Amino acid sequence: QVQLVESGGGLVQPGGSLRLSCAASGFTLDYYAIGWFRQAPGKEREGVSCISSSSDGSTFYADSVKGRFTISRDNAKNTVYLQMNSLKPEDTAVYYCVTDPLCDGIIPTDFGSWGQGTQVTVSS
């Protein structure tokens, strides 16, 4: 069973930080590019960040999060992380991770389905 499970979301004040986790089971994550996407209420899902396979290691960040978010992977834990700093109210969304071969911020079309996601709420 190929599965990605998001966790780490929560409620934070503007300027705060969270670290999201994307834990893989059923496959070896380091062979794949993993992308983070988010969907805010009333808005379309959008690309946030992506990290390529370990042999490549290149990353993508949306302009809106560049300089604030950092994506990384821990192959020993089969997990990809998204460190989110200097959070803004507009970062409020459900965050999802999926395999993303092109790793370009565009919603991929070659994966099975979205998971549960993890809710991030930034509010004072």
Protein backbone atom coordinates (compact mmCIF):
# COMPACT_ATOMS: atom_id res chain seq x y z
CA GLN A 1 0.00 0.00 0.00
CA VAL A 2 1.49 3.31 -1.12
CA GLN A 3 0.57 5.98 1.38
CA LEU A 4 1.63 9.49 2.39
CA VAL A 5 0.40 10.88 5.69
CA GLU A 6 0.60 14.57 6.56
CA SER A 7 0.93 15.82 10.12
CA GLY A 8 2.20 18.76 12.14
CA GLY A 9 -0.44 21.35 11.45
CA GLY A 10 -2.07 23.48 14.07
CA LEU A 11 -3.04 26.96 15.17
CA VAL A 12 -0.32 29.62 15.37
CA GLN A 13 -0.17 33.39 15.57
CA PRO A 14 1.16 35.46 12.67
CA GLY A 15 4.93 35.31 12.70
CA GLY A 16 4.95 31.87 14.28
CA SER A 17 6.37 28.61 12.99
CA LEU A 18 5.26 25.07 12.28
CA ARG A 19 6.97 22.01 10.85
CA LEU A 20 4.86 19.76 8.69
CA SER A 21 5.75 16.12 8.13
CA CYS A 22 4.98 13.87 5.17
CA ALA A 23 5.58 10.27 6.17
CA ALA A 24 5.69 7.59 3.49
CA SER A 25 4.82 3.93 3.71
CA GLY A 26 4.75 1.27 1.03
CA PHE A 27 7.59 2.79 -0.98
CA THR A 28 11.03 4.29 -0.53
CA LEU A 29 10.48 8.01 -0.48
CA ASP A 30 13.97 9.10 -1.45
CA TYR A 31 13.43 7.84 -5.01
CA TYR A 32 10.60 10.31 -5.56
CA ALA A 33 10.02 14.01 -5.81
CA ILE A 34 7.56 15.10 -3.14
CA GLY A 35 5.45 18.21 -3.42
CA TRP A 36 3.49 20.18 -0.85
CA PHE A 37 0.22 21.75 -1.96
CA ARG A 38 -2.36 23.70 -0.04
CA GLN A 39 -5.99 24.65 -0.36
CA ALA A 40 -7.46 27.59 1.51
CA PRO A 41 -11.21 28.01 2.05
CA GLY A 42 -12.83 29.23 -1.13
CA LYS A 43 -9.62 29.00 -3.12
CA GLU A 44 -8.12 26.52 -5.55
CA ARG A 45 -5.38 24.16 -4.53
CA GLU A 46 -1.93 25.60 -5.21
CA GLY A 47 1.65 24.42 -5.19
CA VAL A 48 3.74 25.45 -2.20
CA SER A 49 7.03 23.59 -2.39
CA CYS A 50 8.68 20.49 -3.78
CA ILE A 51 11.87 18.53 -3.26
CA SER A 52 13.30 16.27 -5.94
CA SER A 53 14.60 12.75 -5.44
CA SER A 54 17.67 12.39 -3.27
CA SER A 55 19.87 11.90 -6.33
CA ASP A 56 18.84 15.37 -7.51
CA GLY A 57 17.90 17.34 -4.41
CA SER A 58 16.64 20.42 -6.21
CA THR A 59 13.75 22.33 -4.67
CA PHE A 60 10.86 24.52 -5.71
CA TYR A 61 9.13 27.25 -3.71
CA ALA A 62 6.15 29.34 -4.61
CA ASP A 63 6.93 33.04 -4.66
CA SER A 64 4.51 33.58 -1.80
CA VAL A 65 6.52 31.36 0.57
CA LYS A 66 10.06 31.80 -0.71
CA GLY A 67 12.39 32.80 2.08
CA ARG A 68 9.95 31.69 4.77
CA PHE A 69 9.48 27.97 4.10
CA THR A 70 12.15 25.28 3.80
CA ILE A 71 11.59 21.78 2.46
CA SER A 72 13.84 18.88 3.41
CA ARG A 73 13.89 15.11 3.63
CA ASP A 74 15.10 12.51 6.11
CA ASN A 75 15.57 9.30 4.18
CA ALA A 76 16.20 7.25 7.31
CA LYS A 77 12.73 8.20 8.53
CA ASN A 78 11.17 8.04 5.06
CA THR A 79 9.80 11.52 5.69
CA VAL A 80 9.74 14.91 3.98
CA TYR A 81 9.40 18.05 6.08
CA LEU A 82 8.17 21.55 5.43
CA GLN A 83 9.51 24.07 7.92
CA MET A 84 7.20 27.07 7.91
CA ASN A 85 8.48 30.29 9.48
CA SER A 86 7.12 33.82 9.62
CA LEU A 87 3.64 32.51 9.01
CA LYS A 88 0.99 34.83 7.66
CA PRO A 89 -2.81 34.61 7.80
CA GLU A 90 -2.84 33.91 4.08
CA ASP A 91 -0.92 30.70 4.78
CA THR A 92 -4.05 29.30 6.40
CA ALA A 93 -5.01 26.19 4.44
CA VAL A 94 -5.09 22.43 4.43
CA TYR A 95 -1.66 21.20 3.36
CA TYR A 96 -1.16 18.03 1.35
CA CYS A 97 1.87 16.10 0.14
CA VAL A 98 1.97 13.96 -2.99
CA THR A 99 4.50 12.46 -5.36
CA ASP A 100 5.29 15.12 -7.93
CA PRO A 101 7.72 14.05 -10.66
CA LEU A 102 7.95 17.44 -12.37
CA CYS A 103 8.46 19.25 -9.06
CA ASP A 104 7.38 22.54 -10.60
CA GLY A 105 4.52 23.73 -8.40
CA ILE A 106 1.86 22.58 -10.85
CA ILE A 107 -0.70 20.12 -9.49
CA PRO A 108 0.39 16.66 -10.65
CA THR A 109 -2.00 14.39 -12.52
CA ASP A 110 -0.26 11.03 -12.19
CA PHE A 111 -0.98 10.10 -8.59
CA GLY A 112 -3.93 8.27 -7.08
CA SER A 113 -5.65 10.69 -4.76
CA TRP A 114 -5.18 13.39 -2.18
CA GLY A 115 -4.76 12.30 1.42
CA GLN A 116 -6.32 13.77 4.52
CA GLY A 117 -3.96 16.72 4.66
CA THR A 118 -3.11 18.69 7.77
CA GLN A 119 -4.79 21.95 8.77
CA VAL A 120 -2.66 25.05 9.27
CA THR A 121 -4.41 28.05 10.78
CA VAL A 122 -2.60 31.35 11.23
CA SER A 123 -4.64 33.80 13.24
CA SER A 124 -4.31 36.35 15.98
